Amino acid sequence: MGPVAQALVDQAQTAEQPEFQSRHKIVPMRNAAEGPLPAGTRDSNDSSRERLTSEHSGDVARLSAARTGNAARVAEFIRDISSAVWKSCCVLAGNGNETREAFSEVMAALSANRFARLASYTGRSSIHTFVALVTRDLIAERVLRLMQSEPEQGWMAFERLFQADIQRVIRKRFPHSSAEETRRDLYQDVCLAFIDNDYRRIRTYSGNGSFAGFVLRSVDHLMIDALRENLPRRRLPAEVTKLPALEQEIFKLVHWQGVVGRPDALTPHLKGAHDTTEIAMALSRVRQLPAPVNGEVASLSISETVDLVASDEHSPEAAILCAEEDSRLDAALEVLRDVAARLSGSERLYLSIVLSAAETPAPREIARLMRRPVEEIYKLRQRVLQQLRDVLSENSTIKNWRASV
């Protein structure tokens, strides 16, 4: 290790911990090329992806300054991120010389080509969190090379790096507390499957995509095989079958598929077109139901398998983002409930009929249900929509929620 790397190690060992740190627990793996964003990241041309929070705009500015090549800015940025890199290496790469070698290698990779590995950072998290995620990918690449040259030593590094992620995938497919013993057995089965036939499964990695993504997809395929052997076909609870089709679909996605209970996460999985408000209201009704408690443990659907590489289920950044989004959604729903309470009796009845149906009924059908002339239904519709539009355009709580999705 050169004197510069040694100096950075010494500094990192005495530095304060970064804002979002893992408390020395391995957080689930994520594809760093995508950055620490929720599954379903929008296209780069979408302005919402470029929206920066004031909290992290300084991180973006420091990275941009370092990428200009200015020596002073580069040195300052390297000192800033070295603590996050060192802590990640301590957790992921073992102890002693191995940690120091990993740190030196990762810092060199991060600094290469004017920090090209960090080019996709947009400020949606702290720079320390983003650097930690990129570091994980770099260490995964290091583990792969070690397995190719020294398989036994490489396997120990492999299990140390991926143990928490493998257990997370198993929990996603077998989530109930009664399956604890099953989960322990399945972890051993996964390890044996990777070791079998001189690490044949690992050797099939072709280099396309991240190695971490390849490992987690392999684990999930093994879990799907286990589910096919042991799980009966599941059925919707009786109280769910009484709900409209949208609520039933959301129930399956949230409780069977493990999709995050947010409108933006649910939208790509839903059949047909639904606006965000409609999804939010349906999600609110689903949340009022008790969570499944029977022995069924996961979905058998392969076509809708969750993107495990992009999952940030337990990352510190994800916990903060999800908490903020849930808070905004709850506040927005409370505003909508207040608006509905201020509607007249006929307007509330109209809104109830529209929201409780799987598809918006035709005006004549609403008129029949309300026992009113069709002409009055059109007027009701205009009054209700106008009041909702006024709230959506003027209320700051609704604006904050819409901006977040």
Protein backbone atom coordinates (compact mmCIF):
# COMPACT_ATOMS: atom_id res chain seq x y z
CA MET A 1 0.00 0.00 0.00
CA GLY A 2 1.42 3.40 -0.97
CA PRO A 3 1.91 6.31 1.45
CA VAL A 4 -1.17 8.17 0.14
CA ALA A 5 -3.45 5.18 0.66
CA GLN A 6 -1.90 4.57 4.10
CA ALA A 7 -2.58 8.18 5.07
CA LEU A 8 -6.19 7.84 3.98
CA VAL A 9 -6.57 4.65 6.01
CA ASP A 10 -5.22 6.39 9.10
CA GLN A 11 -7.56 9.32 8.55
CA ALA A 12 -10.56 7.09 7.88
CA GLN A 13 -9.98 5.07 11.04
CA THR A 14 -10.24 8.21 13.17
CA ALA A 15 -12.94 10.03 11.18
CA GLU A 16 -16.50 10.48 12.34
CA GLN A 17 -19.09 8.13 10.87
CA PRO A 18 -21.01 9.36 7.80
CA GLU A 19 -24.59 10.59 8.11
CA PHE A 20 -26.18 7.39 6.78
CA GLN A 21 -24.10 4.52 8.11
CA SER A 22 -25.00 0.87 8.46
CA ARG A 23 -24.15 0.44 12.17
CA HIS A 24 -21.70 -2.22 10.94
CA LYS A 25 -24.47 -4.43 9.59
CA ILE A 26 -24.40 -5.50 5.98
CA VAL A 27 -27.28 -3.82 4.17
CA PRO A 28 -28.92 -5.44 1.10
CA MET A 29 -26.99 -5.27 -2.13
CA ARG A 30 -27.99 -2.78 -4.80
CA ASN A 31 -26.78 -2.10 -8.33
CA ALA A 32 -24.71 1.02 -7.86
CA ALA A 33 -25.03 2.00 -11.52
CA GLU A 34 -28.68 2.75 -10.80
CA GLY A 35 -27.93 4.73 -7.66
CA PRO A 36 -29.85 4.48 -4.40
CA LEU A 37 -33.31 4.98 -5.89
CA PRO A 38 -36.52 3.05 -5.45
CA ALA A 39 -37.39 0.35 -7.91
CA GLY A 40 -39.08 1.84 -10.94
CA THR A 41 -36.62 4.76 -11.43
CA ARG A 42 -37.85 7.16 -14.07
CA ASP A 43 -36.11 7.82 -17.36
CA SER A 44 -33.22 10.27 -17.30
CA ASN A 45 -35.22 12.76 -19.36
CA ASP A 46 -37.88 12.93 -16.67
CA SER A 47 -37.38 16.15 -14.76
CA SER A 48 -38.41 14.53 -11.49
CA ARG A 49 -35.23 12.46 -11.48
CA GLU A 50 -33.15 15.62 -11.69
CA ARG A 51 -34.95 17.28 -8.78
CA LEU A 52 -32.39 17.68 -5.98
CA THR A 53 -33.11 18.11 -2.32
CA SER A 54 -31.40 21.06 -0.67
CA GLU A 55 -30.05 18.65 1.93
CA HIS A 56 -27.72 16.96 -0.59
CA SER A 57 -27.12 19.70 -3.17
CA GLY A 58 -23.78 20.41 -1.48
CA ASP A 59 -22.71 16.81 -2.10
CA VAL A 60 -23.53 17.19 -5.79
CA ALA A 61 -21.51 20.40 -5.96
CA ARG A 62 -18.48 18.80 -4.26
CA LEU A 63 -18.53 15.84 -6.65
CA SER A 64 -18.91 18.12 -9.67
CA ALA A 65 -15.96 20.21 -8.49
CA ALA A 66 -13.82 17.09 -8.03
CA ARG A 67 -14.74 15.82 -11.50
CA THR A 68 -13.27 18.99 -13.07
CA GLY A 69 -9.84 17.63 -12.17
CA ASN A 70 -8.85 20.51 -9.88
CA ALA A 71 -6.18 19.01 -7.62
CA ALA A 72 -7.33 20.75 -4.44
CA ARG A 73 -10.97 19.77 -5.02
CA VAL A 74 -9.99 16.19 -5.81
CA ALA A 75 -7.93 15.89 -2.62
CA GLU A 76 -10.75 17.41 -0.54
CA PHE A 77 -13.34 15.04 -2.03
CA ILE A 78 -11.14 11.97 -1.51
CA ARG A 79 -10.66 12.91 2.14
CA ASP A 80 -14.43 13.37 2.46
CA ILE A 81 -15.40 9.92 1.12
CA SER A 82 -12.50 7.92 2.55
CA SER A 83 -14.29 7.34 5.87
CA ALA A 84 -17.37 5.84 4.14
CA VAL A 85 -15.17 3.63 1.95
CA TRP A 86 -13.09 2.43 4.91
CA LYS A 87 -16.15 1.49 6.98
CA SER A 88 -17.63 -0.42 4.04
CA CYS A 89 -14.36 -2.28 3.53
CA CYS A 90 -14.18 -3.17 7.24
CA VAL A 91 -17.67 -4.69 7.10
CA LEU A 92 -17.44 -6.35 3.70
CA ALA A 93 -13.82 -7.34 3.20
CA GLY A 94 -12.77 -8.77 6.56
CA ASN A 95 -10.00 -7.49 8.77
CA GLY A 96 -6.33 -6.63 8.72
CA ASN A 97 -4.36 -6.64 5.48
CA GLU A 98 -7.33 -7.76 3.40
CA THR A 99 -9.29 -4.67 4.45
CA ARG A 100 -6.38 -2.38 3.67
CA GLU A 101 -5.85 -3.95 0.24
CA ALA A 102 -9.56 -3.69 -0.55
CA PHE A 103 -9.58 -0.03 0.57
CA SER A 104 -6.62 0.85 -1.63
CA GLU A 105 -8.17 -0.95 -4.62
CA VAL A 106 -11.61 0.63 -4.15
CA MET A 107 -10.23 4.16 -3.74
CA ALA A 108 -8.22 3.74 -6.94
CA ALA A 109 -11.32 2.51 -8.81
CA LEU A 110 -13.47 5.35 -7.49
CA SER A 111 -10.88 7.98 -8.42
CA ALA A 112 -10.28 6.61 -11.93
CA ASN A 113 -11.33 8.72 -14.92
CA ARG A 114 -12.33 11.65 -12.76
CA PHE A 115 -14.63 9.61 -10.51
CA ALA A 116 -16.50 8.05 -13.43
CA ARG A 117 -18.02 5.37 -11.17
CA LEU A 118 -19.86 8.15 -9.30
CA ALA A 119 -21.12 9.96 -12.41
CA SER A 120 -24.73 8.80 -11.93
CA TYR A 121 -25.05 10.46 -8.51
CA THR A 122 -27.97 12.93 -8.56
CA GLY A 123 -28.35 13.95 -4.94
CA ARG A 124 -31.27 11.71 -3.98
CA SER A 125 -29.20 10.46 -1.04
CA SER A 126 -26.08 11.57 0.78
CA ILE A 127 -22.81 11.09 -1.11
CA HIS A 128 -21.61 8.79 1.70
CA THR A 129 -24.54 6.42 1.15
CA PHE A 130 -24.00 6.42 -2.60
CA VAL A 131 -20.26 5.81 -2.23
CA ALA A 132 -20.97 2.92 0.16
CA LEU A 133 -23.25 1.31 -2.44
CA VAL A 134 -20.67 1.70 -5.22
CA THR A 135 -18.05 0.28 -2.87
CA ARG A 136 -20.20 -2.83 -2.39
CA ASP A 137 -20.27 -3.41 -6.15
CA LEU A 138 -16.50 -2.95 -6.39
CA ILE A 139 -15.89 -5.40 -3.54
CA ALA A 140 -18.27 -7.89 -5.20
CA GLU A 141 -16.10 -7.69 -8.34
CA ARG A 142 -13.03 -8.25 -6.17
CA VAL A 143 -14.65 -11.34 -4.59
CA LEU A 144 -15.42 -12.75 -8.03
CA ARG A 145 -11.80 -12.41 -9.09
CA LEU A 146 -10.69 -14.08 -5.85
CA MET A 147 -13.05 -17.01 -6.43
CA GLN A 148 -11.60 -17.51 -9.88
CA SER A 149 -8.02 -17.60 -8.59
CA GLU A 150 -8.40 -19.08 -5.07
CA PRO A 151 -11.84 -20.72 -4.76
CA GLU A 152 -11.72 -21.69 -1.08
CA GLN A 153 -10.57 -18.28 0.13
CA GLY A 154 -12.93 -16.70 -2.36
CA TRP A 155 -15.90 -18.65 -0.99
CA MET A 156 -15.28 -17.33 2.54
CA ALA A 157 -15.23 -13.79 1.16
CA PHE A 158 -18.33 -14.55 -0.95
CA GLU A 159 -20.37 -15.75 2.04
CA ARG A 160 -19.22 -12.84 4.20
CA LEU A 161 -20.33 -10.39 1.50
CA PHE A 162 -23.64 -11.97 0.47
CA GLN A 163 -24.89 -13.69 3.63
CA ALA A 164 -27.28 -10.88 4.63
CA ASP A 165 -28.53 -10.47 1.07
CA ILE A 166 -29.22 -14.20 0.64
CA GLN A 167 -31.13 -14.22 3.93
CA ARG A 168 -33.12 -11.19 2.77
CA VAL A 169 -34.19 -12.95 -0.43
CA ILE A 170 -35.21 -16.02 1.56
CA ARG A 171 -37.25 -13.85 3.95
CA LYS A 172 -38.99 -12.19 1.04
CA ARG A 173 -40.19 -15.56 -0.24
CA PHE A 174 -40.75 -17.11 3.20
CA PRO A 175 -41.72 -14.10 5.37
CA HIS A 176 -43.76 -15.55 8.25
CA SER A 177 -42.31 -16.15 11.71
CA SER A 178 -43.35 -19.81 11.61
CA ALA A 179 -40.90 -20.39 8.74
CA GLU A 180 -37.72 -19.58 10.74
CA GLU A 181 -36.43 -23.15 10.71
CA THR A 182 -37.30 -23.46 7.02
CA ARG A 183 -35.32 -20.31 6.30
CA ARG A 184 -32.23 -21.70 8.05
CA ASP A 185 -32.46 -24.91 6.03
CA LEU A 186 -32.93 -22.97 2.81
CA TYR A 187 -29.84 -20.86 3.51
CA GLN A 188 -27.78 -24.04 3.78
CA ASP A 189 -29.38 -25.34 0.58
CA VAL A 190 -28.43 -22.14 -1.24
CA CYS A 191 -24.81 -22.38 -0.05
CA LEU A 192 -24.61 -26.01 -1.16
CA ALA A 193 -26.09 -25.10 -4.55
CA PHE A 194 -23.37 -22.48 -5.09
CA ILE A 195 -20.57 -24.78 -3.90
CA ASP A 196 -21.80 -27.82 -5.83
CA ASN A 197 -19.73 -29.11 -8.74
CA ASP A 198 -16.75 -26.81 -8.11
CA TYR A 199 -18.85 -23.60 -7.87
CA ARG A 200 -20.54 -24.30 -11.19
CA ARG A 201 -23.34 -21.76 -10.69
CA ILE A 202 -20.92 -18.95 -9.93
CA ARG A 203 -18.72 -19.87 -12.89
CA THR A 204 -21.70 -19.46 -15.24
CA TYR A 205 -21.61 -15.68 -14.68
CA SER A 206 -20.95 -14.25 -18.14
CA GLY A 207 -19.97 -10.72 -17.15
CA ASN A 208 -23.23 -9.17 -18.35
CA GLY A 209 -24.70 -6.96 -15.63
CA SER A 210 -23.45 -6.75 -12.07
CA PHE A 211 -22.14 -9.84 -10.32
CA ALA A 212 -24.25 -8.95 -7.27
CA GLY A 213 -27.38 -8.93 -9.41
CA PHE A 214 -26.47 -12.30 -10.89
CA VAL A 215 -26.03 -13.81 -7.41
CA LEU A 216 -29.35 -12.48 -6.07
CA ARG A 217 -31.30 -13.59 -9.14
CA SER A 218 -29.76 -17.06 -8.78
CA VAL A 219 -30.86 -17.18 -5.14
CA ASP A 220 -34.40 -16.11 -6.04
CA HIS A 221 -34.66 -18.77 -8.74
CA LEU A 222 -33.68 -21.36 -6.13
CA MET A 223 -36.40 -20.00 -3.82
CA ILE A 224 -39.00 -20.19 -6.59
CA ASP A 225 -38.07 -23.85 -7.15
CA ALA A 226 -38.55 -24.47 -3.41
CA LEU A 227 -41.93 -22.74 -3.48
CA ARG A 228 -43.10 -24.81 -6.43
CA GLU A 229 -42.33 -27.96 -4.50
CA ASN A 230 -43.93 -26.97 -1.20
CA LEU A 231 -46.61 -24.30 -1.69
CA PRO A 232 -50.28 -24.93 -2.48
CA ARG A 233 -52.11 -22.40 -4.64
CA ARG A 234 -53.11 -19.45 -2.50
CA ARG A 235 -56.56 -17.89 -2.32
CA LEU A 236 -57.67 -14.37 -1.48
CA PRO A 237 -59.17 -13.91 2.00
CA ALA A 238 -62.96 -13.73 1.96
CA GLU A 239 -63.04 -10.05 2.95
CA VAL A 240 -60.69 -9.16 0.08
CA THR A 241 -62.88 -10.91 -2.53
CA LYS A 242 -65.66 -8.44 -1.66
CA LEU A 243 -63.53 -5.46 -2.67
CA PRO A 244 -63.31 -3.96 -6.19
CA ALA A 245 -60.81 -5.40 -8.64
CA LEU A 246 -58.22 -2.63 -8.08
CA GLU A 247 -58.10 -3.26 -4.32
CA GLN A 248 -57.75 -7.01 -4.90
CA GLU A 249 -54.88 -6.42 -7.29
CA ILE A 250 -53.12 -4.09 -4.85
CA PHE A 251 -53.62 -6.62 -2.03
CA LYS A 252 -51.88 -9.30 -4.12
CA LEU A 253 -49.01 -6.99 -5.07
CA VAL A 254 -48.38 -5.80 -1.51
CA HIS A 255 -48.96 -9.01 0.47
CA TRP A 256 -48.03 -11.68 -2.09
CA GLN A 257 -45.50 -10.05 -4.39
CA GLY A 258 -43.79 -7.86 -1.78
CA VAL A 259 -44.21 -4.67 -3.82
CA VAL A 260 -43.74 -1.55 -1.68
CA GLY A 261 -47.08 -0.02 -0.65
CA ARG A 262 -46.67 3.29 -2.50
CA PRO A 263 -48.63 4.47 -5.56
CA ASP A 264 -45.47 5.06 -7.60
CA ALA A 265 -44.20 1.54 -6.86
CA LEU A 266 -47.56 -0.10 -7.58
CA THR A 267 -48.35 1.70 -10.85
CA PRO A 268 -45.98 -0.31 -13.13
CA HIS A 269 -47.50 -3.59 -11.87
CA LEU A 270 -51.19 -2.68 -12.19
CA LYS A 271 -53.33 -3.79 -15.11
CA GLY A 272 -54.98 -0.94 -16.97
CA ALA A 273 -54.63 2.80 -16.45
CA HIS A 274 -55.24 4.27 -13.00
CA ASP A 275 -54.44 7.79 -11.82
CA THR A 276 -52.36 8.31 -8.72
CA THR A 277 -55.25 9.52 -6.56
CA GLU A 278 -57.32 6.46 -7.42
CA ILE A 279 -54.43 4.14 -6.51
CA ALA A 280 -53.81 6.02 -3.25
CA MET A 281 -57.45 5.72 -2.20
CA ALA A 282 -57.53 2.01 -3.05
CA LEU A 283 -54.27 1.46 -1.16
CA SER A 284 -55.77 3.22 1.86
CA ARG A 285 -58.70 0.77 1.87
CA VAL A 286 -56.34 -2.22 1.55
CA ARG A 287 -54.30 -0.98 4.53
CA GLN A 288 -57.42 -1.11 6.68
CA LEU A 289 -57.53 -4.89 6.23
CA PRO A 290 -55.54 -7.21 8.52
CA ALA A 291 -52.34 -8.57 6.98
CA PRO A 292 -52.42 -12.27 5.98
CA VAL A 293 -51.54 -14.54 8.88
CA ASN A 294 -52.09 -18.00 7.37
CA GLY A 295 -49.37 -20.49 6.45
CA GLU A 296 -48.96 -19.34 2.87
CA VAL A 297 -45.61 -17.71 2.52
CA ALA A 298 -45.04 -16.23 -0.92
CA SER A 299 -46.13 -15.86 -4.52
CA LEU A 300 -45.36 -18.39 -7.21
CA SER A 301 -45.41 -15.74 -9.94
CA ILE A 302 -42.16 -15.57 -11.86
CA SER A 303 -43.26 -12.99 -14.42
CA GLU A 304 -43.71 -10.42 -11.65
CA THR A 305 -40.64 -11.27 -9.60
CA VAL A 306 -39.44 -8.26 -7.68
CA ASP A 307 -36.26 -6.62 -8.97
CA LEU A 308 -33.99 -7.94 -6.26
CA VAL A 309 -30.92 -6.09 -7.44
CA ALA A 310 -32.60 -2.74 -7.12
CA SER A 311 -34.20 -3.50 -3.79
CA ASP A 312 -33.08 -1.25 -0.97
CA GLU A 313 -35.42 -2.73 1.61
CA HIS A 314 -33.13 -2.34 4.63
CA SER A 315 -30.74 0.42 3.56
CA PRO A 316 -30.63 3.44 5.89
CA GLU A 317 -31.35 5.78 2.97
CA ALA A 318 -34.38 3.75 1.90
CA ALA A 319 -35.84 3.77 5.41
CA ILE A 320 -35.69 7.57 5.48
CA LEU A 321 -37.13 7.98 1.98
CA CYS A 322 -39.96 5.49 2.62
CA ALA A 323 -40.85 7.12 5.94
CA GLU A 324 -41.03 10.53 4.27
CA GLU A 325 -43.15 9.20 1.40
CA ASP A 326 -45.55 7.37 3.75
CA SER A 327 -45.92 10.52 5.82
CA ARG A 328 -46.73 12.61 2.73
CA LEU A 329 -49.24 10.02 1.51
CA ASP A 330 -51.01 9.84 4.88
CA ALA A 331 -51.21 13.63 5.04
CA ALA A 332 -52.60 13.81 1.48
CA LEU A 333 -55.24 11.17 2.24
CA GLU A 334 -56.28 13.08 5.35
CA VAL A 335 -56.76 16.23 3.24
CA LEU A 336 -58.88 14.30 0.73
CA ARG A 337 -60.98 12.84 3.54
CA ASP A 338 -61.59 16.36 4.88
CA VAL A 339 -62.67 17.52 1.43
CA ALA A 340 -65.06 14.57 1.10
CA ALA A 341 -66.56 15.39 4.51
CA ARG A 342 -67.37 18.91 3.33
CA LEU A 343 -69.27 17.71 0.27
CA SER A 344 -73.04 17.72 0.29
CA GLY A 345 -74.89 14.44 0.85
CA SER A 346 -75.56 13.91 -2.85
CA GLU A 347 -71.95 14.78 -3.74
CA ARG A 348 -70.58 12.31 -1.16
CA LEU A 349 -72.90 9.60 -2.49
CA TYR A 350 -71.71 10.29 -6.05
CA LEU A 351 -68.04 10.10 -4.97
CA SER A 352 -68.65 6.89 -3.01
CA ILE A 353 -70.24 5.20 -6.02
CA VAL A 354 -67.41 6.26 -8.34
CA LEU A 355 -64.58 5.21 -6.00
CA SER A 356 -66.10 1.90 -4.93
CA ALA A 357 -66.48 0.56 -8.47
CA ALA A 358 -63.71 -1.34 -10.27
CA GLU A 359 -64.32 0.95 -13.27
CA THR A 360 -66.08 4.33 -13.30
CA PRO A 361 -69.77 3.63 -13.95
CA ALA A 362 -71.56 5.30 -16.84
CA PRO A 363 -73.61 8.40 -15.90
CA ARG A 364 -76.85 6.53 -16.59
CA GLU A 365 -75.85 3.77 -14.17
CA ILE A 366 -74.99 6.33 -11.49
CA ALA A 367 -78.32 8.06 -12.12
CA ARG A 368 -80.11 4.74 -11.64
CA LEU A 369 -78.29 4.02 -8.38
CA MET A 370 -78.92 7.54 -7.04
CA ARG A 371 -82.46 7.70 -8.46
CA ARG A 372 -81.78 11.07 -10.00
CA PRO A 373 -81.97 12.45 -13.57
CA VAL A 374 -78.88 11.95 -15.76
CA GLU A 375 -78.60 15.71 -16.21
CA GLU A 376 -78.15 16.14 -12.46
CA ILE A 377 -75.40 13.50 -12.45
CA TYR A 378 -73.39 15.55 -14.96
CA LYS A 379 -73.73 18.62 -12.72
CA LEU A 380 -72.73 16.61 -9.65
CA ARG A 381 -69.69 15.34 -11.48
CA GLN A 382 -68.59 18.85 -12.41
CA ARG A 383 -69.02 20.16 -8.84
CA VAL A 384 -67.12 17.26 -7.25
CA LEU A 385 -64.29 17.37 -9.80
CA GLN A 386 -63.94 21.14 -9.42
CA GLN A 387 -63.59 20.87 -5.64
CA LEU A 388 -60.99 18.11 -6.00
CA ARG A 389 -59.09 20.13 -8.61
CA ASP A 390 -59.05 23.15 -6.32
CA VAL A 391 -57.53 21.05 -3.53
CA LEU A 392 -55.00 19.39 -5.86
CA SER A 393 -53.85 22.74 -7.25
CA GLU A 394 -53.85 24.85 -4.08
CA ASN A 395 -53.21 22.66 -1.04
CA SER A 396 -49.52 22.50 -0.12
CA THR A 397 -49.87 19.02 1.43
CA ILE A 398 -51.28 17.60 -1.82
CA LYS A 399 -48.62 19.43 -3.83
CA ASN A 400 -45.83 17.92 -1.73
CA TRP A 401 -47.27 14.41 -2.14
CA ARG A 402 -47.76 14.75 -5.93
CA ALA A 403 -44.20 16.07 -6.29
CA SER A 404 -42.90 12.99 -4.47
CA VAL A 405 -44.58 10.50 -6.82
